[in-house]
């Protein structure tokens, strides 16, 4: 996994967790949903990079 892509995936996941927690804390369902979406986007990016690494060898 390239370092930049890996860092981007981790950043998206962390940003999503913060958004979700903030949304839950203030009762904002939209913000919570955006947080979950950001986490899913980070998970997908990470999975894509892992697949690329498998086929790189």
N, C-alpha and C. Protein backbone atom coordinates (compact mmCIF):
# COMPACT_ATOMS: atom_id res chain seq x y z
N UNK A 1 0.85 -1.16 0.00
CA UNK A 1 0.00 0.00 0.00
C UNK A 1 0.89 1.22 0.00
N UNK A 2 0.64 2.11 -0.90
CA UNK A 2 1.46 3.31 -0.92
C UNK A 2 1.20 4.12 0.35
N UNK A 3 2.26 4.76 0.82
CA UNK A 3 2.16 5.51 2.07
C UNK A 3 1.12 6.61 2.03
N UNK A 4 1.04 7.31 0.90
CA UNK A 4 0.09 8.41 0.79
C UNK A 4 -1.35 7.92 0.83
N UNK A 5 -1.64 6.87 0.09
CA UNK A 5 -3.00 6.32 0.06
C UNK A 5 -3.37 5.76 1.43
N UNK A 6 -2.42 5.10 2.06
CA UNK A 6 -2.69 4.53 3.38
C UNK A 6 -2.99 5.64 4.39
N UNK A 7 -2.23 6.71 4.33
CA UNK A 7 -2.46 7.83 5.24
C UNK A 7 -3.80 8.48 4.96
N UNK A 8 -4.17 8.60 3.69
CA UNK A 8 -5.45 9.18 3.33
C UNK A 8 -6.61 8.34 3.87
N UNK A 9 -6.48 7.03 3.77
CA UNK A 9 -7.52 6.13 4.26
C UNK A 9 -7.68 6.28 5.77
N UNK A 10 -6.57 6.30 6.49
CA UNK A 10 -6.61 6.44 7.94
C UNK A 10 -7.19 7.80 8.34
N UNK A 11 -6.85 8.84 7.59
CA UNK A 11 -7.37 10.18 7.88
C UNK A 11 -8.88 10.22 7.69
N UNK A 12 -9.37 9.61 6.61
CA UNK A 12 -10.81 9.58 6.37
C UNK A 12 -11.53 8.81 7.47
N UNK A 13 -10.94 7.71 7.90
CA UNK A 13 -11.56 6.92 8.95
C UNK A 13 -11.62 7.71 10.26
N UNK A 14 -10.53 8.37 10.61
CA UNK A 14 -10.49 9.15 11.84
C UNK A 14 -11.45 10.34 11.77
N UNK A 15 -11.48 11.02 10.64
CA UNK A 15 -12.38 12.16 10.46
C UNK A 15 -13.83 11.70 10.60
N UNK A 16 -14.12 10.54 10.05
CA UNK A 16 -15.47 10.00 10.14
C UNK A 16 -15.86 9.68 11.57
N UNK A 17 -14.94 9.12 12.33
CA UNK A 17 -15.23 8.80 13.73
C UNK A 17 -15.51 10.06 14.54
N UNK A 18 -14.73 11.10 14.28
CA UNK A 18 -14.93 12.37 14.99
C UNK A 18 -16.29 12.97 14.63
N UNK A 19 -16.61 12.98 13.34
CA UNK A 19 -17.90 13.53 12.90
C UNK A 19 -19.06 12.75 13.50
N UNK A 20 -18.94 11.43 13.49
CA UNK A 20 -20.03 10.61 14.03
C UNK A 20 -20.21 10.87 15.52
N UNK A 21 -19.11 10.93 16.26
CA UNK A 21 -19.20 11.19 17.69
C UNK A 21 -19.78 12.57 17.97
N UNK A 22 -19.36 13.56 17.21
CA UNK A 22 -19.89 14.92 17.39
C UNK A 22 -21.38 14.96 17.07
N UNK A 23 -21.77 14.30 16.02
CA UNK A 23 -23.19 14.26 15.65
C UNK A 23 -24.02 13.57 16.71
N UNK A 24 -23.50 12.48 17.26
CA UNK A 24 -24.21 11.77 18.32
C UNK A 24 -24.31 12.63 19.58
N UNK A 25 -23.25 13.37 19.87
CA UNK A 25 -23.22 14.18 21.08
C UNK A 25 -24.24 15.31 21.04
N UNK A 26 -24.44 15.91 19.88
CA UNK A 26 -25.37 17.03 19.79
C UNK A 26 -26.72 16.62 19.21
N UNK A 27 -26.88 15.35 18.88
CA UNK A 27 -28.14 14.87 18.35
C UNK A 27 -28.37 15.23 16.90
N UNK A 28 -27.30 15.43 16.14
CA UNK A 28 -27.40 15.78 14.73
C UNK A 28 -27.23 14.52 13.89
N UNK A 29 -28.36 14.01 13.39
CA UNK A 29 -28.33 12.75 12.63
C UNK A 29 -27.58 12.88 11.31
N UNK A 30 -27.67 14.05 10.68
CA UNK A 30 -26.98 14.25 9.40
C UNK A 30 -25.48 14.17 9.59
N UNK A 31 -24.98 14.81 10.63
CA UNK A 31 -23.54 14.79 10.90
C UNK A 31 -23.07 13.37 11.24
N UNK A 32 -23.87 12.65 12.00
CA UNK A 32 -23.54 11.26 12.31
C UNK A 32 -23.48 10.42 11.04
N UNK A 33 -24.43 10.63 10.16
CA UNK A 33 -24.46 9.90 8.89
C UNK A 33 -23.26 10.22 8.02
N UNK A 34 -22.88 11.50 7.98
CA UNK A 34 -21.69 11.89 7.22
C UNK A 34 -20.45 11.21 7.80
N UNK A 35 -20.39 11.11 9.10
CA UNK A 35 -19.26 10.46 9.74
C UNK A 35 -19.17 8.99 9.37
N UNK A 36 -20.31 8.32 9.39
CA UNK A 36 -20.32 6.90 8.99
C UNK A 36 -19.92 6.75 7.53
N UNK A 37 -20.36 7.67 6.69
CA UNK A 37 -20.01 7.62 5.26
C UNK A 37 -18.51 7.84 5.06
N UNK A 38 -17.94 8.79 5.81
CA UNK A 38 -16.49 9.02 5.72
C UNK A 38 -15.71 7.79 6.14
N UNK A 39 -16.17 7.13 7.19
CA UNK A 39 -15.49 5.92 7.65
C UNK A 39 -15.56 4.83 6.59
N UNK A 40 -16.72 4.68 5.97
CA UNK A 40 -16.88 3.67 4.92
C UNK A 40 -15.98 3.99 3.72
N UNK A 41 -15.88 5.26 3.39
CA UNK A 41 -15.02 5.67 2.28
C UNK A 41 -13.56 5.33 2.59
N UNK A 42 -13.13 5.57 3.81
CA UNK A 42 -11.77 5.23 4.23
C UNK A 42 -11.54 3.72 4.21
N UNK A 43 -12.54 2.98 4.65
CA UNK A 43 -12.44 1.52 4.63
C UNK A 43 -12.31 1.00 3.20
N UNK A 44 -13.10 1.57 2.30
CA UNK A 44 -13.05 1.14 0.89
C UNK A 44 -11.70 1.46 0.27
N UNK A 45 -11.17 2.65 0.58
CA UNK A 45 -9.86 3.04 0.03
C UNK A 45 -8.78 2.08 0.55
N UNK A 46 -8.85 1.75 1.82
CA UNK A 46 -7.87 0.86 2.41
C UNK A 46 -7.96 -0.54 1.77
N UNK A 47 -9.17 -1.03 1.58
CA UNK A 47 -9.36 -2.34 0.95
C UNK A 47 -8.82 -2.35 -0.48
N UNK A 48 -9.07 -1.27 -1.21
CA UNK A 48 -8.59 -1.17 -2.59
C UNK A 48 -7.07 -1.25 -2.64
N UNK A 49 -6.43 -0.54 -1.74
CA UNK A 49 -4.96 -0.54 -1.71
C UNK A 49 -4.41 -1.91 -1.32
N UNK A 50 -5.08 -2.61 -0.43
CA UNK A 50 -4.62 -3.95 -0.06
C UNK A 50 -4.72 -4.91 -1.23
N UNK A 51 -5.79 -4.80 -2.00
CA UNK A 51 -5.95 -5.64 -3.19
C UNK A 51 -4.85 -5.33 -4.20
N UNK A 52 -4.56 -4.04 -4.39
CA UNK A 52 -3.50 -3.66 -5.31
C UNK A 52 -2.17 -4.23 -4.88
N UNK A 53 -1.91 -4.25 -3.57
CA UNK A 53 -0.65 -4.81 -3.05
C UNK A 53 -0.55 -6.31 -3.32
N UNK A 54 -1.66 -7.02 -3.22
CA UNK A 54 -1.65 -8.46 -3.46
C UNK A 54 -1.24 -8.75 -4.89
N UNK A 55 -1.76 -7.99 -5.83
CA UNK A 55 -1.47 -8.23 -7.23
C UNK A 55 -0.18 -7.61 -7.71
N UNK A 56 0.43 -6.79 -6.88
CA UNK A 56 1.68 -6.12 -7.24
C UNK A 56 2.84 -7.11 -7.25
N UNK A 57 2.79 -8.11 -6.42
CA UNK A 57 3.90 -9.07 -6.29
C UNK A 57 4.04 -9.96 -7.46
